[in-house]
Amino acid sequence: MMDLFSSTVKMLSALCIVLALIVLLYYLLNRFFPGEKGFGGNGKLIKIIATDYLGPKKSVLIVEVAGEFLVLGSTNYTISLLGKIEQKEILDKLNKAEEQKRGSFARMFSGLDRFRIKK
């Protein structure tokens, strides 16, 4: 009976050490690589704002690249620049739509922010 208890204590202490190392590694990666993709930062330079499918393997996309909104045509073999959106009213609508799209998924996990390690 004592052997079972001691092995359980050893296993739980090893598990706690491994979990502590994972949390420490996460903290260090966020601290020394802020904004890097995959380490808690946004890090995305290219964002797909909207996609509309025209047919099999054919679509029109609105993409934000470094703050500019581009309209792209995509087929099975090519991606072509169809145009660039520069009107302020349309850009405001696209930014609002992007925030709403991002917010719907993020809202599900908004309560988890309290568990994030602060710098």
Protein backbone atom coordinates (compact mmCIF):
# COMPACT_ATOMS: atom_id res chain seq x y z
CA MET A 1 0.00 0.00 0.00
CA MET A 2 2.85 2.36 0.81
CA ASP A 3 4.49 1.59 -2.55
CA LEU A 4 1.33 2.65 -4.40
CA PHE A 5 1.13 5.90 -2.44
CA SER A 6 4.78 6.80 -3.04
CA SER A 7 4.58 6.09 -6.77
CA THR A 8 1.41 8.22 -7.02
CA VAL A 9 3.16 11.10 -5.25
CA LYS A 10 6.16 10.79 -7.58
CA MET A 11 3.92 10.76 -10.65
CA LEU A 12 1.92 13.81 -9.52
CA SER A 13 5.05 15.77 -8.63
CA ALA A 14 6.59 14.96 -12.03
CA LEU A 15 3.37 16.11 -13.70
CA CYS A 16 3.44 19.39 -11.76
CA ILE A 17 7.05 19.99 -12.80
CA VAL A 18 6.25 19.36 -16.46
CA LEU A 19 3.23 21.68 -16.34
CA ALA A 20 5.32 24.38 -14.62
CA LEU A 21 7.95 24.09 -17.37
CA ILE A 22 5.29 24.45 -20.06
CA VAL A 23 3.89 27.59 -18.41
CA LEU A 24 7.40 29.01 -18.00
CA LEU A 25 8.23 28.33 -21.65
CA TYR A 26 4.98 30.01 -22.76
CA TYR A 27 5.79 33.05 -20.62
CA LEU A 28 9.34 33.31 -21.96
CA LEU A 29 8.23 32.97 -25.59
CA ASN A 30 5.62 35.72 -25.12
CA ARG A 31 8.15 37.94 -23.42
CA PHE A 32 11.03 37.59 -25.86
CA PHE A 33 9.00 37.15 -29.07
CA PRO A 34 6.03 39.52 -28.70
CA GLY A 35 3.76 39.68 -31.71
CA GLU A 36 5.14 36.52 -33.26
CA LYS A 37 2.51 34.30 -34.78
CA GLY A 38 1.66 31.40 -32.52
CA PHE A 39 2.97 32.93 -29.31
CA GLY A 40 -0.03 34.95 -28.25
CA GLY A 41 0.44 37.91 -30.61
CA ASN A 42 -1.65 38.73 -33.63
CA GLY A 43 1.31 38.57 -35.99
CA LYS A 44 -0.78 38.32 -39.16
CA LEU A 45 0.22 40.56 -42.04
CA ILE A 46 -2.30 39.09 -44.47
CA LYS A 47 -5.98 38.81 -43.52
CA ILE A 48 -8.79 37.43 -45.65
CA ILE A 49 -11.71 39.78 -45.09
CA ALA A 50 -14.31 38.22 -47.41
CA THR A 51 -14.59 35.38 -49.89
CA ASP A 52 -17.30 34.82 -52.48
CA TYR A 53 -17.29 31.63 -54.53
CA LEU A 54 -18.27 32.01 -58.19
CA GLY A 55 -17.98 28.39 -59.17
CA PRO A 56 -15.90 25.28 -58.56
CA LYS A 57 -12.42 26.44 -57.55
CA LYS A 58 -13.17 30.03 -58.58
CA SER A 59 -13.58 32.84 -56.10
CA VAL A 60 -13.22 36.56 -55.46
CA LEU A 61 -11.44 37.57 -52.26
CA ILE A 62 -11.01 40.81 -50.37
CA VAL A 63 -7.67 40.66 -48.61
CA GLU A 64 -5.96 43.11 -46.28
CA VAL A 65 -2.19 43.21 -46.79
CA ALA A 66 -0.23 45.62 -44.60
CA GLY A 67 -3.22 47.94 -44.22
CA GLU A 68 -4.25 47.95 -47.90
CA PHE A 69 -7.40 46.24 -49.15
CA LEU A 70 -6.98 44.26 -52.36
CA VAL A 71 -9.59 42.48 -54.50
CA LEU A 72 -8.18 39.20 -55.81
CA GLY A 73 -9.53 36.66 -58.26
CA SER A 74 -8.59 33.07 -57.54
CA THR A 75 -8.91 30.08 -59.85
CA ASN A 76 -7.50 26.58 -59.81
CA TYR A 77 -4.21 27.76 -61.32
CA THR A 78 -3.81 31.50 -60.74
CA ILE A 79 -4.41 34.38 -58.37
CA SER A 80 -4.92 37.75 -60.07
CA LEU A 81 -5.16 41.27 -58.71
CA LEU A 82 -8.54 42.62 -59.77
CA GLY A 83 -8.31 45.95 -58.00
CA LYS A 84 -7.51 47.97 -54.93
CA ILE A 85 -10.13 49.51 -52.64
CA GLU A 86 -9.32 53.12 -51.79
CA GLN A 87 -12.69 54.74 -51.00
CA LYS A 88 -12.82 55.71 -47.32
CA GLU A 89 -16.48 54.68 -46.83
CA ILE A 90 -15.88 51.17 -48.17
CA LEU A 91 -12.69 50.80 -46.10
CA ASP A 92 -14.61 51.75 -42.96
CA LYS A 93 -17.31 49.15 -43.73
CA LEU A 94 -14.66 46.49 -44.34
CA ASN A 95 -12.86 47.29 -41.09
CA LYS A 96 -16.15 47.11 -39.17
CA ALA A 97 -17.06 43.78 -40.82
CA GLU A 98 -13.63 42.38 -39.98
CA GLU A 99 -13.96 43.40 -36.33
CA GLN A 100 -17.38 41.77 -36.10
CA LYS A 101 -16.11 38.57 -37.74
CA ARG A 102 -13.13 38.44 -35.40
CA GLY A 103 -15.28 39.32 -32.41
CA SER A 104 -17.77 36.48 -32.78
CA PHE A 105 -15.14 33.78 -32.32
CA ALA A 106 -13.12 35.76 -29.78
CA ARG A 107 -16.23 36.37 -27.68
CA MET A 108 -16.44 32.64 -26.95
CA PHE A 109 -13.02 32.73 -25.33
CA SER A 110 -13.16 36.19 -23.75
CA GLY A 111 -13.38 34.74 -20.24
CA LEU A 112 -10.04 32.99 -20.65
CA ASP A 113 -8.10 36.28 -20.60
CA ARG A 114 -7.84 36.12 -16.83
CA PHE A 115 -5.68 33.00 -17.16
CA ARG A 116 -3.17 34.66 -19.50
CA ILE A 117 0.22 35.53 -18.04
CA LYS A 118 0.67 39.30 -17.92
CA LYS A 119 3.99 40.93 -18.71
